[in-house]
N, C-alpha and C. Protein backbone atom coordinates (compact mmCIF):
# COMPACT_ATOMS: atom_id res chain seq x y z
N UNK A 1 83.59 115.01 83.53
CA UNK A 1 83.47 113.84 82.68
C UNK A 1 84.46 112.78 83.15
N UNK A 2 84.00 111.55 83.36
CA UNK A 2 84.92 110.51 83.82
C UNK A 2 85.93 110.14 82.74
N UNK A 3 87.07 109.67 83.20
CA UNK A 3 88.12 109.27 82.27
C UNK A 3 87.64 108.08 81.43
N UNK A 4 88.09 108.06 80.20
CA UNK A 4 87.73 106.97 79.28
C UNK A 4 88.48 105.71 79.67
N UNK A 5 87.92 104.59 79.30
CA UNK A 5 88.61 103.32 79.49
C UNK A 5 89.23 102.89 78.16
N UNK A 6 90.11 101.91 78.24
CA UNK A 6 90.73 101.37 77.03
C UNK A 6 89.63 100.84 76.09
N UNK A 7 88.67 100.12 76.66
CA UNK A 7 87.60 99.55 75.84
C UNK A 7 86.79 100.64 75.14
N UNK A 8 86.53 101.75 75.82
CA UNK A 8 85.79 102.85 75.20
C UNK A 8 86.59 103.47 74.06
N UNK A 9 87.89 103.65 74.27
CA UNK A 9 88.74 104.22 73.23
C UNK A 9 88.78 103.31 72.00
N UNK A 10 88.87 102.01 72.24
CA UNK A 10 88.88 101.07 71.12
C UNK A 10 87.53 101.09 70.42
N UNK A 11 86.46 101.24 71.16
CA UNK A 11 85.13 101.36 70.55
C UNK A 11 85.05 102.55 69.62
N UNK A 12 85.58 103.69 70.07
CA UNK A 12 85.59 104.88 69.21
C UNK A 12 86.47 104.66 67.98
N UNK A 13 87.61 104.00 68.20
CA UNK A 13 88.52 103.72 67.09
C UNK A 13 87.86 102.78 66.07
N UNK A 14 87.15 101.79 66.56
CA UNK A 14 86.46 100.86 65.65
C UNK A 14 85.39 101.56 64.83
N UNK A 15 84.68 102.49 65.43
CA UNK A 15 83.66 103.24 64.69
C UNK A 15 84.31 104.07 63.59
N UNK A 16 85.42 104.72 63.91
CA UNK A 16 86.13 105.52 62.90
C UNK A 16 86.71 104.61 61.81
N UNK A 17 87.19 103.44 62.21
CA UNK A 17 87.76 102.50 61.25
C UNK A 17 86.70 102.00 60.28
N UNK A 18 85.49 101.79 60.77
CA UNK A 18 84.39 101.37 59.90
C UNK A 18 84.11 102.44 58.85
N UNK A 19 84.15 103.69 59.23
CA UNK A 19 83.94 104.78 58.28
C UNK A 19 85.07 104.82 57.25
N UNK A 20 86.29 104.59 57.72
CA UNK A 20 87.45 104.56 56.83
C UNK A 20 87.31 103.44 55.80
N UNK A 21 86.92 102.27 56.25
CA UNK A 21 86.75 101.13 55.35
C UNK A 21 85.63 101.40 54.34
N UNK A 22 84.59 102.05 54.79
CA UNK A 22 83.48 102.38 53.88
C UNK A 22 83.96 103.32 52.77
N UNK A 23 84.80 104.30 53.15
CA UNK A 23 85.36 105.20 52.14
C UNK A 23 86.24 104.43 51.16
N UNK A 24 87.03 103.52 51.67
CA UNK A 24 87.96 102.75 50.83
C UNK A 24 87.21 101.83 49.87
N UNK A 25 86.04 101.36 50.26
CA UNK A 25 85.26 100.46 49.41
C UNK A 25 84.77 101.13 48.13
N UNK A 26 84.88 102.44 48.05
CA UNK A 26 84.48 103.14 46.84
C UNK A 26 85.36 102.77 45.65
N UNK A 27 86.55 102.23 45.91
CA UNK A 27 87.45 101.79 44.85
C UNK A 27 87.06 100.35 44.53
N UNK A 28 86.22 100.18 43.53
CA UNK A 28 85.64 98.88 43.23
C UNK A 28 86.69 97.80 42.94
N UNK A 29 87.77 98.17 42.27
CA UNK A 29 88.81 97.18 41.94
C UNK A 29 89.52 96.65 43.18
N UNK A 30 89.41 97.34 44.28
CA UNK A 30 90.11 96.95 45.51
C UNK A 30 89.15 96.43 46.58
N UNK A 31 87.89 96.18 46.22
CA UNK A 31 86.87 95.83 47.20
C UNK A 31 87.28 94.63 48.04
N UNK A 32 87.74 93.57 47.42
CA UNK A 32 88.12 92.35 48.15
C UNK A 32 89.30 92.62 49.09
N UNK A 33 90.29 93.32 48.59
CA UNK A 33 91.46 93.67 49.41
C UNK A 33 91.04 94.50 50.61
N UNK A 34 90.22 95.50 50.38
CA UNK A 34 89.75 96.38 51.45
C UNK A 34 89.03 95.58 52.52
N UNK A 35 88.16 94.70 52.11
CA UNK A 35 87.39 93.93 53.09
C UNK A 35 88.26 92.94 53.86
N UNK A 36 89.19 92.29 53.18
CA UNK A 36 90.08 91.36 53.87
C UNK A 36 90.96 92.10 54.88
N UNK A 37 91.54 93.22 54.46
CA UNK A 37 92.42 93.98 55.32
C UNK A 37 91.66 94.56 56.51
N UNK A 38 90.52 95.16 56.25
CA UNK A 38 89.78 95.78 57.34
C UNK A 38 89.25 94.74 58.31
N UNK A 39 88.89 93.57 57.81
CA UNK A 39 88.43 92.50 58.69
C UNK A 39 89.53 92.04 59.64
N UNK A 40 90.72 91.87 59.11
CA UNK A 40 91.85 91.41 59.92
C UNK A 40 92.19 92.43 61.01
N UNK A 41 92.26 93.69 60.64
CA UNK A 41 92.61 94.71 61.63
C UNK A 41 91.49 94.96 62.63
N UNK A 42 90.27 94.84 62.18
CA UNK A 42 89.13 94.99 63.10
C UNK A 42 89.20 93.90 64.16
N UNK A 43 89.51 92.68 63.74
CA UNK A 43 89.65 91.57 64.69
C UNK A 43 90.76 91.85 65.70
N UNK A 44 91.86 92.41 65.21
CA UNK A 44 92.98 92.71 66.11
C UNK A 44 92.58 93.77 67.14
N UNK A 45 91.89 94.82 66.69
CA UNK A 45 91.43 95.85 67.62
C UNK A 45 90.41 95.29 68.61
N UNK A 46 89.49 94.49 68.14
CA UNK A 46 88.50 93.87 69.02
C UNK A 46 89.17 92.96 70.04
N UNK A 47 90.22 92.28 69.62
CA UNK A 47 90.96 91.42 70.54
C UNK A 47 91.61 92.21 71.66
N UNK A 48 92.10 93.39 71.35
CA UNK A 48 92.70 94.24 72.38
C UNK A 48 91.63 94.71 73.36
N UNK A 49 90.44 94.98 72.85
CA UNK A 49 89.35 95.41 73.72
C UNK A 49 88.86 94.26 74.56
N UNK A 50 88.85 93.06 74.00
CA UNK A 50 88.32 91.90 74.70
C UNK A 50 89.29 91.26 75.68
N UNK A 51 90.46 91.84 75.84
CA UNK A 51 91.48 91.25 76.70
C UNK A 51 91.31 91.70 78.16
N UNK A 52 90.08 92.09 78.52
CA UNK A 52 89.83 92.51 79.89
C UNK A 52 90.49 93.82 80.25
N UNK A 53 90.57 94.70 79.28
CA UNK A 53 91.29 95.95 79.48
C UNK A 53 90.34 97.11 79.75
N UNK A 54 89.56 97.02 80.77
CA UNK A 54 88.62 98.08 81.12
C UNK A 54 89.26 99.17 81.96
N UNK A 55 90.58 99.15 82.04
CA UNK A 55 91.31 100.11 82.86
C UNK A 55 91.11 101.53 82.35
N UNK A 56 91.22 102.46 83.27
CA UNK A 56 91.12 103.88 82.92
C UNK A 56 92.29 104.25 82.03
N UNK A 57 92.00 105.03 81.03
CA UNK A 57 92.99 105.42 80.04
C UNK A 57 93.66 106.73 80.44
N UNK A 58 94.94 106.81 80.26
CA UNK A 58 95.68 108.05 80.48
C UNK A 58 95.07 109.12 79.58
N UNK A 59 94.80 110.32 80.09
CA UNK A 59 94.18 111.37 79.26
C UNK A 59 94.99 111.71 78.01
N UNK A 60 96.30 111.61 78.07
CA UNK A 60 97.12 111.89 76.88
C UNK A 60 96.89 110.84 75.81
N UNK A 61 96.73 109.59 76.21
CA UNK A 61 96.46 108.53 75.25
C UNK A 61 95.07 108.70 74.66
N UNK A 62 94.11 109.05 75.51
CA UNK A 62 92.75 109.30 75.03
C UNK A 62 92.75 110.43 74.00
N UNK A 63 93.51 111.48 74.26
CA UNK A 63 93.62 112.60 73.32
C UNK A 63 94.29 112.15 72.02
N UNK A 64 95.27 111.26 72.11
CA UNK A 64 95.95 110.76 70.92
C UNK A 64 94.98 109.96 70.05
N UNK A 65 94.13 109.16 70.67
CA UNK A 65 93.14 108.39 69.92
C UNK A 65 92.16 109.35 69.25
N UNK A 66 91.73 110.37 69.96
CA UNK A 66 90.83 111.37 69.36
C UNK A 66 91.49 112.07 68.18
N UNK A 67 92.77 112.39 68.31
CA UNK A 67 93.49 113.05 67.21
C UNK A 67 93.60 112.12 66.00
N UNK A 68 93.83 110.85 66.25
CA UNK A 68 93.90 109.86 65.17
C UNK A 68 92.55 109.77 64.46
N UNK A 69 91.48 109.77 65.23
CA UNK A 69 90.13 109.73 64.65
C UNK A 69 89.87 110.99 63.84
N UNK A 70 90.34 112.13 64.32
CA UNK A 70 90.20 113.39 63.57
C UNK A 70 90.90 113.29 62.21
N UNK A 71 92.06 112.66 62.19
CA UNK A 71 92.78 112.47 60.92
C UNK A 71 91.94 111.66 59.94
N UNK A 72 91.34 110.60 60.42
CA UNK A 72 90.50 109.76 59.58
C UNK A 72 89.30 110.53 59.06
N UNK A 73 88.72 111.37 59.92
CA UNK A 73 87.57 112.17 59.50
C UNK A 73 87.90 113.09 58.33
N UNK A 74 89.18 113.48 58.22
CA UNK A 74 89.59 114.37 57.14
C UNK A 74 89.93 113.67 55.83
N UNK A 75 89.91 112.36 55.81
CA UNK A 75 90.25 111.61 54.60
C UNK A 75 89.01 111.48 53.72
N UNK A 76 89.09 112.09 52.55
CA UNK A 76 87.96 112.03 51.62
C UNK A 76 88.29 111.21 50.38
N UNK A 77 89.56 111.04 50.08
CA UNK A 77 89.98 110.28 48.90
C UNK A 77 89.97 108.79 49.23
N UNK A 78 89.20 107.99 48.50
CA UNK A 78 89.13 106.56 48.80
C UNK A 78 90.46 105.84 48.66
N UNK A 79 91.34 106.30 47.79
CA UNK A 79 92.66 105.66 47.66
C UNK A 79 93.51 105.94 48.90
N UNK A 80 93.40 107.13 49.42
CA UNK A 80 94.11 107.46 50.66
C UNK A 80 93.52 106.65 51.82
N UNK A 81 92.21 106.45 51.79
CA UNK A 81 91.57 105.63 52.83
C UNK A 81 92.15 104.21 52.82
N UNK A 82 92.39 103.68 51.64
CA UNK A 82 93.00 102.34 51.55
C UNK A 82 94.37 102.35 52.21
N UNK A 83 95.15 103.39 51.95
CA UNK A 83 96.47 103.49 52.59
C UNK A 83 96.36 103.48 54.11
N UNK A 84 95.33 104.11 54.63
CA UNK A 84 95.16 104.24 56.08
C UNK A 84 94.56 103.01 56.72
N UNK A 85 94.08 102.05 55.94
CA UNK A 85 93.46 100.87 56.53
C UNK A 85 94.42 100.06 57.38
N UNK A 86 95.69 100.09 57.07
CA UNK A 86 96.65 99.40 57.93
C UNK A 86 97.37 100.38 58.86
N UNK A 87 97.47 101.62 58.47
CA UNK A 87 98.14 102.61 59.31
C UNK A 87 97.33 102.92 60.56
N UNK A 88 96.04 103.19 60.40
CA UNK A 88 95.19 103.59 61.52
C UNK A 88 95.23 102.60 62.68
N UNK A 89 94.96 101.32 62.46
CA UNK A 89 94.93 100.41 63.61
C UNK A 89 96.29 100.24 64.27
N UNK A 90 97.36 100.29 63.48
CA UNK A 90 98.69 100.14 64.07
C UNK A 90 99.01 101.31 64.99
N UNK A 91 98.69 102.52 64.56
CA UNK A 91 98.94 103.69 65.39
C UNK A 91 98.05 103.66 66.63
N UNK A 92 96.79 103.28 66.46
CA UNK A 92 95.89 103.19 67.61
C UNK A 92 96.40 102.17 68.62
N UNK A 93 96.82 101.01 68.16
CA UNK A 93 97.33 99.99 69.06
C UNK A 93 98.60 100.44 69.77
N UNK A 94 99.48 101.09 69.05
CA UNK A 94 100.70 101.60 69.68
C UNK A 94 100.38 102.64 70.75
N UNK A 95 99.45 103.53 70.45
CA UNK A 95 99.05 104.55 71.44
C UNK A 95 98.49 103.90 72.70
N UNK A 96 97.82 102.79 72.53
CA UNK A 96 97.22 102.08 73.66
C UNK A 96 98.20 101.15 74.38
N UNK A 97 99.44 101.13 73.90
CA UNK A 97 100.45 100.29 74.54
C UNK A 97 100.41 98.84 74.10
N UNK A 98 99.75 98.59 72.98
CA UNK A 98 99.64 97.23 72.44
C UNK A 98 100.67 97.04 71.32
N UNK A 99 100.98 95.80 71.06
CA UNK A 99 101.83 95.46 69.92
C UNK A 99 100.92 95.26 68.72
N UNK A 100 101.18 96.00 67.63
CA UNK A 100 100.33 95.83 66.45
C UNK A 100 100.45 94.44 65.91
């Protein structure tokens, strides 16, 4: 299997982030906050992908992104999902060598 690129890793992270935001939207009182926050972080992640970063990703970083996605997959509580809406993208960006 060929090594992943930064853009591919960010694509996987964005897909997991969309699932996280969907879980967080279950808290009706926080719907506006959830959408504003997730929109801002999604733009930041997309910006990192769009910066011409098609370089091959270090396998350890690729594994870290997968582990982060696994953590998100285990979040079932919508309130915890809200907490992770800002945590997830910051950790993903740091793993990728970006400034959050």
